């Protein structure tokens, strides 16, 4: 299907979704996104043309089911997987991908930093119907082994290399500039972004400005050719509450806004990555600040984590912040797993992080009153009140876990289908007790109707 769409446009010099949208053309990808989101295709086209919506759809990703990311659509969730320099196992990453697909990830990032990075990426893209993103600087550094040996050409060449493989969006830390580095000196945690720290080290070692910034036009050439979305990396994002919303973070954000406008001049799609660790009361301000400085390019946030005291539970601390960010206008949420700050996530961590973020994104959709967002909630509530356990499980975000929790404390099939659970039992179930209230209210209504009919037939004195 996708191969046919792309082949029709194979002779075009620029093949980005923004390019066609600005020419007034609704591509097959835009139509597909409109259908799955239940919105008008013209809305998708106009938002892509404006830069408020991106469709990560590399022309080389043949099995892709296009996904739209923007404030006009439902809030999306990205899942990070990938190996580390310590452990490398392509089969394990494939299992993580299957978990992501099962539990509704909208996009996937391969953050592999060791082993056979090319082999893992090719395998993941071939198996992934959802957009795949990367941080190309990781592989560039792995190949050269040393920042001192890493050149600007190495970085640009890596973009082309990964684009040919079908990567749909790149995280590029082009906004970390030499003049920004002194701004982090009073931070507790300094630069916590891996990509941001690599760029800082490169500039210090080479005594030069950020090569992605100075060679931005070359970056755009690659993205125009393959229609790769730029995910403008937040290399100076805060790594703790104390560092949130500081001069370094906002200086980088201002630079990203300038780079975004330059990208749009070349019809290259851009979304902006955001913090990080942010106190709850500062999250909305951060979202509004991004909209102001980056002309409403889609905001893609990591968390934010709203407290620093819960290692092992940061899928929860960050999902709280993610709900607020999504409500304030973030277009996509990057999940955090329980292993954040502690180790490489396994399959169970991926599941826990993804489910927490699907809940956060859905809660944000409900809070923003997106059309149809609450339909599933209402349907599940009706099933719960009717003790329709099968329907309640089916509508759950994790049906298997919901059913196992319900069944584990009930002795046999009769009790598992009965109109109560083990929390209250048959005598103390509030919804059963409420049946009496229903009967009472029905009786009152019946009597009112009967009295009204009586009054109608009795002559006035």
Protein backbone atom coordinates (compact mmCIF):
# COMPACT_ATOMS: atom_id res chain seq x y z
CA UNK A 1 0.00 0.00 0.00
CA UNK A 2 2.62 2.58 1.10
CA UNK A 3 4.98 1.55 -1.69
CA UNK A 4 2.38 2.51 -4.29
CA UNK A 5 1.79 5.89 -2.64
CA UNK A 6 5.48 6.73 -2.58
CA UNK A 7 6.21 5.49 -6.10
CA UNK A 8 3.72 8.00 -7.55
CA UNK A 9 5.90 10.82 -6.18
CA UNK A 10 9.31 9.26 -6.89
CA UNK A 11 10.27 11.87 -9.49
CA UNK A 12 9.59 14.88 -7.24
CA UNK A 13 12.59 16.87 -6.00
CA UNK A 14 11.01 17.50 -2.58
CA UNK A 15 8.84 14.73 -1.16
CA UNK A 16 7.90 16.00 2.28
CA UNK A 17 4.34 16.01 3.53
CA UNK A 18 4.68 19.73 4.26
CA UNK A 19 5.70 20.39 0.65
CA UNK A 20 2.56 18.75 -0.74
CA UNK A 21 0.32 20.25 1.94
CA UNK A 22 1.49 23.75 1.04
CA UNK A 23 0.68 23.06 -2.59
CA UNK A 24 -2.89 22.23 -1.53
CA UNK A 25 -2.49 18.50 -2.09
CA UNK A 26 -3.92 15.88 0.27
CA UNK A 27 -1.53 12.94 0.08
CA UNK A 28 -2.54 9.36 0.76
CA UNK A 29 -0.71 9.64 4.09
CA UNK A 30 -2.78 12.68 5.08
CA UNK A 31 -5.99 10.93 4.06
CA UNK A 32 -5.00 7.87 6.09
CA UNK A 33 -4.30 9.98 9.17
CA UNK A 34 -7.62 11.81 8.77
CA UNK A 35 -9.53 8.54 8.58
CA UNK A 36 -7.90 6.98 11.63
CA UNK A 37 -8.37 10.20 13.64
CA UNK A 38 -11.93 10.74 12.40
CA UNK A 39 -11.27 14.29 11.22
CA UNK A 40 -11.52 16.01 7.85
CA UNK A 41 -8.61 15.46 5.47
CA UNK A 42 -8.49 19.19 4.81
CA UNK A 43 -7.85 19.81 8.52
CA UNK A 44 -4.86 17.48 8.40
CA UNK A 45 -3.53 19.13 5.24
CA UNK A 46 -3.90 22.66 6.57
CA UNK A 47 -2.25 21.79 9.91
CA UNK A 48 0.69 20.09 8.16
CA UNK A 49 1.07 23.14 5.90
CA UNK A 50 1.02 25.42 8.95
CA UNK A 51 3.62 23.30 10.80
CA UNK A 52 1.33 22.46 13.72
CA UNK A 53 1.08 18.81 12.65
CA UNK A 54 3.74 16.38 11.46
CA UNK A 55 3.43 13.00 9.74
CA UNK A 56 6.71 11.07 10.22
CA UNK A 57 6.73 9.00 7.03
CA UNK A 58 10.14 8.34 5.48
CA UNK A 59 9.70 7.36 1.85
CA UNK A 60 11.87 4.27 2.54
CA UNK A 61 9.65 2.94 5.36
CA UNK A 62 7.54 0.69 3.16
CA UNK A 63 5.29 -1.03 5.75
CA UNK A 64 4.40 2.18 7.62
CA UNK A 65 0.88 2.99 8.75
CA UNK A 66 1.13 6.81 8.85
CA UNK A 67 0.65 8.56 12.19
CA UNK A 68 -0.20 12.23 12.71
CA UNK A 69 1.25 14.22 15.62
CA UNK A 70 -0.26 17.59 16.40
CA UNK A 71 -2.57 19.47 18.72
CA UNK A 72 -5.54 19.03 16.34
CA UNK A 73 -5.37 15.25 16.81
CA UNK A 74 -5.35 12.87 19.76
CA UNK A 75 -2.38 12.99 22.14
CA UNK A 76 0.26 10.45 21.05
CA UNK A 77 2.71 8.28 23.02
CA UNK A 78 6.25 7.35 22.04
CA UNK A 79 8.07 4.32 23.47
CA UNK A 80 11.86 4.19 23.73
CA UNK A 81 13.59 0.85 23.28
CA UNK A 82 17.07 -0.18 22.12
CA UNK A 83 20.15 -1.78 23.57
CA UNK A 84 23.05 -0.28 25.49
CA UNK A 85 26.82 -0.50 25.26
CA UNK A 86 26.55 -3.11 28.02
CA UNK A 87 23.97 -5.44 26.47
CA UNK A 88 22.90 -6.12 22.87
CA UNK A 89 20.17 -8.55 21.80
CA UNK A 90 18.08 -8.02 18.67
CA UNK A 91 15.53 -10.67 19.69
CA UNK A 92 14.93 -8.89 22.98
CA UNK A 93 14.37 -5.60 21.15
CA UNK A 94 11.89 -7.32 18.83
CA UNK A 95 9.97 -8.60 21.84
CA UNK A 96 9.90 -5.05 23.22
CA UNK A 97 8.55 -3.85 19.86
CA UNK A 98 5.74 -6.41 19.98
CA UNK A 99 4.82 -5.23 23.49
CA UNK A 100 4.77 -1.65 22.22
CA UNK A 101 2.48 -2.57 19.35
CA UNK A 102 0.20 -4.65 21.57
CA UNK A 103 -0.29 -1.85 24.08
CA UNK A 104 -0.76 0.97 21.61
CA UNK A 105 2.51 2.88 21.16
CA UNK A 106 2.07 5.48 18.45
CA UNK A 107 5.76 5.83 17.62
CA UNK A 108 8.97 4.04 18.57
CA UNK A 109 12.48 5.30 19.20
CA UNK A 110 15.47 3.00 18.78
CA UNK A 111 18.06 4.41 21.19
CA UNK A 112 20.61 1.65 20.71
CA UNK A 113 24.16 2.69 21.62
CA UNK A 114 26.13 -0.55 21.27
CA UNK A 115 26.51 -3.83 19.43
CA UNK A 116 25.04 -4.23 15.94
CA UNK A 117 23.14 -0.95 15.79
CA UNK A 118 22.53 -1.20 12.04
CA UNK A 119 21.21 -4.76 12.31
CA UNK A 120 18.87 -3.89 15.18
CA UNK A 121 17.53 -0.82 13.39
CA UNK A 122 16.91 -2.60 10.09
CA UNK A 123 15.10 -5.40 11.90
CA UNK A 124 12.93 -3.00 13.91
CA UNK A 125 11.97 -0.85 10.91
CA UNK A 126 11.10 -3.93 8.85
CA UNK A 127 8.83 -5.16 11.66
CA UNK A 128 7.34 -1.81 12.68
CA UNK A 129 4.13 -0.39 11.17
CA UNK A 130 4.53 2.69 13.41
CA UNK A 131 7.05 5.51 12.82
CA UNK A 132 10.58 4.84 14.07
CA UNK A 133 12.88 7.56 15.39
CA UNK A 134 16.56 7.59 16.32
CA UNK A 135 19.30 9.80 17.76
CA UNK A 136 21.89 9.55 14.95
CA UNK A 137 24.75 11.01 17.02
CA UNK A 138 24.78 7.79 19.08
CA UNK A 139 25.82 5.62 16.15
CA UNK A 140 28.18 8.26 14.78
CA UNK A 141 30.03 8.27 18.09
CA UNK A 142 29.98 4.47 18.38
CA UNK A 143 31.68 4.13 15.00
CA UNK A 144 34.44 6.66 15.68
CA UNK A 145 34.83 5.56 19.34
CA UNK A 146 36.05 9.01 20.36
CA UNK A 147 34.56 12.52 20.26
CA UNK A 148 37.95 13.90 19.21
CA UNK A 149 37.82 11.79 16.03
CA UNK A 150 34.17 12.61 15.29
CA UNK A 151 33.81 15.13 12.44
CA UNK A 152 30.95 17.26 11.19
CA UNK A 153 30.89 15.16 8.01
CA UNK A 154 30.55 12.01 10.13
CA UNK A 155 27.42 13.44 11.72
CA UNK A 156 25.78 14.57 8.46
CA UNK A 157 26.72 11.33 6.71
CA UNK A 158 25.05 9.37 9.53
CA UNK A 159 21.79 11.23 8.87
CA UNK A 160 21.85 10.10 5.24
CA UNK A 161 22.82 6.55 6.28
CA UNK A 162 19.90 6.19 8.67
CA UNK A 163 17.45 7.97 6.35
CA UNK A 164 18.19 5.38 3.65
CA UNK A 165 17.22 2.67 6.15
CA UNK A 166 13.79 4.21 6.64
CA UNK A 167 14.09 6.17 9.91
CA UNK A 168 11.03 8.44 10.13
CA UNK A 169 12.32 11.08 12.55
CA UNK A 170 15.67 12.19 13.92
CA UNK A 171 16.41 13.70 17.30
CA UNK A 172 19.05 16.31 16.46
CA UNK A 173 20.55 18.43 19.24
CA UNK A 174 21.23 21.46 17.06
CA UNK A 175 20.17 24.01 19.67
CA UNK A 176 23.02 23.38 22.14
CA UNK A 177 25.44 26.20 21.35
CA UNK A 178 28.84 27.16 22.75
CA UNK A 179 27.41 30.30 24.31
CA UNK A 180 24.82 28.25 26.21
CA UNK A 181 27.33 26.10 28.12
CA UNK A 182 28.12 28.66 30.86
CA UNK A 183 24.40 28.82 31.64
CA UNK A 184 24.45 25.31 33.17
CA UNK A 185 27.23 26.02 35.69
CA UNK A 186 24.87 26.45 38.66
CA UNK A 187 22.73 23.41 37.91
CA UNK A 188 22.60 20.46 40.29
CA UNK A 189 22.66 17.86 37.51
CA UNK A 190 24.24 19.80 34.64
CA UNK A 191 23.52 18.43 31.15
CA UNK A 192 21.54 15.19 31.46
CA UNK A 193 20.70 14.62 27.79
CA UNK A 194 23.07 12.07 26.26
CA UNK A 195 22.93 13.84 22.90
CA UNK A 196 23.29 17.22 24.54
CA UNK A 197 26.32 16.16 26.57
CA UNK A 198 27.98 14.65 23.47
CA UNK A 199 27.50 17.90 21.56
CA UNK A 200 28.88 19.91 24.49
CA UNK A 201 31.93 17.67 24.69
CA UNK A 202 32.45 17.91 20.90
CA UNK A 203 32.39 21.72 20.97
CA UNK A 204 34.85 21.83 23.87
CA UNK A 205 37.24 19.34 22.24
CA UNK A 206 37.12 20.89 18.76
CA UNK A 207 36.79 24.57 19.79
CA UNK A 208 33.99 24.97 17.28
CA UNK A 209 30.26 25.73 17.22
CA UNK A 210 27.70 22.89 17.14
CA UNK A 211 28.11 21.33 13.65
CA UNK A 212 24.41 20.56 13.31
CA UNK A 213 23.74 24.26 13.86
CA UNK A 214 26.42 25.47 11.46
CA UNK A 215 25.49 22.87 8.83
CA UNK A 216 21.73 23.12 9.29
CA UNK A 217 21.13 23.50 5.55
CA UNK A 218 22.83 20.13 4.96
CA UNK A 219 20.59 18.58 7.61
CA UNK A 220 17.56 19.97 5.79
CA UNK A 221 18.76 18.59 2.46
CA UNK A 222 18.71 15.05 3.85
CA UNK A 223 15.31 15.51 5.47
CA UNK A 224 13.81 16.98 2.29
CA UNK A 225 15.08 14.06 0.23
CA UNK A 226 13.62 11.29 2.41
CA UNK A 227 10.88 13.21 4.28
CA UNK A 228 12.40 12.68 7.70
CA UNK A 229 10.81 14.75 10.48
CA UNK A 230 13.26 16.66 12.64
CA UNK A 231 12.61 16.13 16.33
CA UNK A 232 14.56 19.11 17.63
CA UNK A 233 16.34 17.72 20.66
CA UNK A 234 16.29 19.39 24.07
CA UNK A 235 19.94 18.85 24.92
CA UNK A 236 19.73 21.32 27.83
CA UNK A 237 16.56 19.94 29.37
CA UNK A 238 16.45 19.99 33.17
CA UNK A 239 17.46 16.77 34.94
CA UNK A 240 15.94 17.70 38.29
CA UNK A 241 13.30 20.06 39.65
CA UNK A 242 15.88 22.59 40.79
CA UNK A 243 17.17 23.02 37.23
CA UNK A 244 13.76 23.46 35.58
CA UNK A 245 12.80 26.53 33.56
CA UNK A 246 16.25 28.08 33.74
CA UNK A 247 18.16 30.32 31.34
CA UNK A 248 19.94 27.40 29.63
CA UNK A 249 16.71 25.55 28.87
CA UNK A 250 14.97 28.59 27.39
CA UNK A 251 18.04 29.80 25.48
CA UNK A 252 18.11 26.47 23.67
CA UNK A 253 14.34 26.61 23.08
CA UNK A 254 14.68 30.04 21.47
CA UNK A 255 17.39 28.66 19.16
CA UNK A 256 15.15 25.72 18.25
CA UNK A 257 12.43 28.15 17.26
CA UNK A 258 14.83 29.90 14.88
CA UNK A 259 15.93 26.57 13.38
CA UNK A 260 12.30 25.49 13.00
CA UNK A 261 11.46 28.54 10.92
CA UNK A 262 14.48 27.86 8.71
CA UNK A 263 13.34 24.25 8.28
CA UNK A 264 9.84 25.36 7.30
CA UNK A 265 11.35 27.56 4.59
CA UNK A 266 12.59 24.30 3.03
CA UNK A 267 9.27 22.47 3.65
CA UNK A 268 10.88 20.22 6.29
CA UNK A 269 8.62 19.00 9.11
CA UNK A 270 9.67 19.72 12.70
CA UNK A 271 8.53 18.85 16.20
CA UNK A 272 10.16 20.18 19.37
CA UNK A 273 11.33 18.04 22.27
CA UNK A 274 10.69 19.27 25.80
CA UNK A 275 11.62 18.71 29.41
CA UNK A 276 12.45 16.71 31.55
CA UNK A 277 11.99 17.30 35.27
CA UNK A 278 9.57 20.16 35.98
CA UNK A 279 7.52 21.08 39.08
CA UNK A 280 3.84 20.51 38.38
CA UNK A 281 2.95 24.20 38.62
CA UNK A 282 5.48 25.10 35.87
CA UNK A 283 4.38 22.58 33.24
CA UNK A 284 1.65 24.63 31.57
CA UNK A 285 3.98 27.63 31.37
CA UNK A 286 6.61 25.44 29.67
CA UNK A 287 4.13 24.28 27.04
CA UNK A 288 2.94 27.84 26.35
CA UNK A 289 6.57 29.00 26.14
CA UNK A 290 7.30 26.40 23.46
CA UNK A 291 4.25 27.47 21.47
CA UNK A 292 5.38 31.08 21.66
CA UNK A 293 9.06 30.58 20.76
CA UNK A 294 8.56 27.79 18.21
CA UNK A 295 5.43 29.07 16.44
CA UNK A 296 3.27 26.18 17.72
CA UNK A 297 5.35 23.37 16.22
CA UNK A 298 4.18 20.10 17.83
CA UNK A 299 5.61 19.69 21.33
CA UNK A 300 7.00 16.26 22.24
CA UNK A 301 7.75 15.99 25.96
CA UNK A 302 9.62 13.51 28.15
CA UNK A 303 7.39 13.31 31.21
CA UNK A 304 7.88 15.78 32.76
CA UNK A 305 8.74 14.17 36.10
CA UNK A 306 7.09 16.17 38.87
CA UNK A 307 9.28 14.92 41.74
CA UNK A 308 12.79 13.51 42.05
CA UNK A 309 12.30 11.22 45.06
CA UNK A 310 10.83 8.09 43.48
CA UNK A 311 13.47 6.01 41.62
CA UNK A 312 11.76 2.80 40.55
CA UNK A 313 8.42 4.59 40.19
CA UNK A 314 9.25 7.30 37.69
CA UNK A 315 6.70 5.95 35.23
CA UNK A 316 4.20 7.28 37.78
CA UNK A 317 5.93 10.58 38.69
CA UNK A 318 6.31 11.37 34.99
CA UNK A 319 2.82 10.25 33.93
CA UNK A 320 1.41 12.82 36.35
CA UNK A 321 3.38 15.53 34.58
CA UNK A 322 2.61 14.08 31.15
CA UNK A 323 -1.12 14.38 31.79
CA UNK A 324 -0.70 18.06 32.60
CA UNK A 325 1.53 18.62 29.56
CA UNK A 326 -0.94 16.89 27.25
CA UNK A 327 -3.80 18.91 28.68
CA UNK A 328 -1.85 22.13 28.18
CA UNK A 329 -1.20 21.30 24.53
CA UNK A 330 1.70 18.86 24.12
CA UNK A 331 1.12 16.74 21.02
CA UNK A 332 3.13 13.65 22.01
CA UNK A 333 4.36 12.17 25.28
CA UNK A 334 7.60 10.22 25.51
CA UNK A 335 7.11 7.44 28.02
CA UNK A 336 9.28 6.85 31.06
CA UNK A 337 9.68 3.36 32.50
CA UNK A 338 10.22 2.27 36.13
CA UNK A 339 13.91 1.78 35.23
CA UNK A 340 14.49 5.48 34.46
CA UNK A 341 17.78 6.58 36.07
CA UNK A 342 18.45 2.98 37.14
CA UNK A 343 19.07 0.67 34.20
CA UNK A 344 18.09 -0.62 30.75
CA UNK A 345 14.33 -1.38 30.64
CA UNK A 346 13.21 -4.98 30.05
CA UNK A 347 9.91 -6.11 28.54
CA UNK A 348 7.93 -5.65 31.75
CA UNK A 349 9.33 -2.15 32.23
CA UNK A 350 8.33 -1.26 28.66
CA UNK A 351 4.79 -2.48 29.32
CA UNK A 352 4.49 -0.59 32.62
CA UNK A 353 5.80 2.65 31.13
CA UNK A 354 3.64 2.44 28.02
CA UNK A 355 0.41 1.70 29.90
CA UNK A 356 1.07 4.58 32.31
CA UNK A 357 1.49 6.91 29.34
CA UNK A 358 -1.50 5.64 27.39
CA UNK A 359 -3.53 6.50 30.48
CA UNK A 360 -1.92 9.96 30.64
CA UNK A 361 -2.56 10.66 26.95
CA UNK A 362 -6.16 9.49 27.19
CA UNK A 363 -6.76 11.61 30.29
CA UNK A 364 -5.37 14.62 28.39
CA UNK A 365 -7.68 13.91 25.43
CA UNK A 366 -10.65 13.79 27.80
CA UNK A 367 -9.56 17.01 29.51
CA UNK A 368 -9.20 18.77 26.15
CA UNK A 369 -12.71 17.56 25.15
CA UNK A 370 -11.45 15.90 21.98
CA UNK A 371 -14.34 14.43 20.03
CA UNK A 372 -15.18 10.90 21.16
CA UNK A 373 -12.39 10.79 23.74
CA UNK A 374 -14.72 9.88 26.62
CA UNK A 375 -16.85 7.36 24.75
CA UNK A 376 -14.80 4.41 25.96
CA UNK A 377 -14.92 5.62 29.57
CA UNK A 378 -18.70 5.86 29.47
CA UNK A 379 -19.06 2.46 27.82
CA UNK A 380 -16.84 0.82 30.43
CA UNK A 381 -18.79 2.51 33.23
CA UNK A 382 -22.05 1.12 31.87
CA UNK A 383 -20.51 -2.34 31.63
CA UNK A 384 -19.24 -2.04 35.20
CA UNK A 385 -22.65 -1.08 36.52
CA UNK A 386 -24.27 -3.95 34.60
CA UNK A 387 -21.63 -6.40 35.95
CA UNK A 388 -20.73 -7.25 32.36
CA UNK A 389 -17.24 -8.39 33.24
CA UNK A 390 -16.24 -9.47 29.73
CA UNK A 391 -17.14 -6.11 28.25
CA UNK A 392 -15.44 -4.28 31.11
CA UNK A 393 -12.23 -6.23 30.49
CA UNK A 394 -12.46 -5.72 26.73
CA UNK A 395 -12.67 -1.96 27.14
CA UNK A 396 -9.82 -1.85 29.66
CA UNK A 397 -6.46 -0.43 28.63
CA UNK A 398 -4.86 -3.71 29.79
CA UNK A 399 -7.57 -6.42 29.60
CA UNK A 400 -5.35 -9.30 30.72
CA UNK A 401 -4.24 -7.60 33.92
CA UNK A 402 -7.76 -6.41 34.72
CA UNK A 403 -9.20 -9.91 34.37
CA UNK A 404 -6.42 -11.61 36.31
CA UNK A 405 -6.82 -9.18 39.21
CA UNK A 406 -10.57 -9.77 39.25
CA UNK A 407 -10.32 -13.57 39.04
CA UNK A 408 -7.43 -14.30 41.39
CA UNK A 409 -9.42 -14.01 44.66
CA UNK A 410 -12.62 -15.68 43.45
CA UNK A 411 -12.88 -19.47 43.90
CA UNK A 412 -14.66 -20.72 40.77
CA UNK A 413 -16.40 -19.75 37.54
CA UNK A 414 -19.71 -19.01 39.28
CA UNK A 415 -18.12 -16.34 41.45
CA UNK A 416 -16.02 -14.99 38.58
CA UNK A 417 -19.19 -14.13 36.64
CA UNK A 418 -21.28 -13.11 39.66
CA UNK A 419 -22.58 -9.59 40.22
CA UNK A 420 -19.95 -8.64 42.79
CA UNK A 421 -16.19 -8.76 43.25
CA UNK A 422 -14.07 -9.89 46.21
CA UNK A 423 -13.72 -6.32 47.50
CA UNK A 424 -17.30 -6.02 48.80
CA UNK A 425 -18.94 -9.37 48.20
CA UNK A 426 -22.69 -9.75 47.56
CA UNK A 427 -23.93 -7.95 50.70
CA UNK A 428 -21.84 -4.79 50.62
CA UNK A 429 -21.72 -4.02 46.88
CA UNK A 430 -22.77 -0.39 46.52
CA UNK A 431 -24.00 -0.87 42.95
CA UNK A 432 -26.27 -3.69 44.11
CA UNK A 433 -27.52 -1.55 46.97
CA UNK A 434 -28.18 1.24 44.48
CA UNK A 435 -30.75 -0.99 42.79
CA UNK A 436 -33.06 -0.06 45.66
CA UNK A 437 -32.50 3.61 44.89
CA UNK A 438 -33.32 2.94 41.24
CA UNK A 439 -36.54 1.15 42.23
CA UNK A 440 -37.47 4.00 44.55
CA UNK A 441 -36.88 6.65 41.87
CA UNK A 442 -38.85 4.60 39.35
CA UNK A 443 -41.71 4.35 41.80
CA UNK A 444 -41.73 8.13 42.31
CA UNK A 445 -41.77 8.69 38.55
CA UNK A 446 -44.60 6.20 38.06
CA UNK A 447 -46.66 7.84 40.77
CA UNK A 448 -46.05 11.30 39.28
CA UNK A 449 -47.20 10.13 35.87
CA UNK A 450 -50.26 8.43 37.39
CA UNK A 451 -51.21 11.58 39.33
CA UNK A 452 -50.81 13.69 36.20
CA UNK A 453 -53.18 11.43 34.28
CA UNK A 454 -55.67 11.60 37.17
CA UNK A 455 -55.62 15.37 37.18
CA UNK A 456 -56.27 15.42 33.48
CA UNK A 457 -59.48 13.43 33.77
CA UNK A 458 -61.00 14.96 36.92
CA UNK A 459 -63.19 18.00 36.09
CA UNK A 460 -62.39 21.28 37.82
CA UNK A 461 -64.78 22.16 40.67
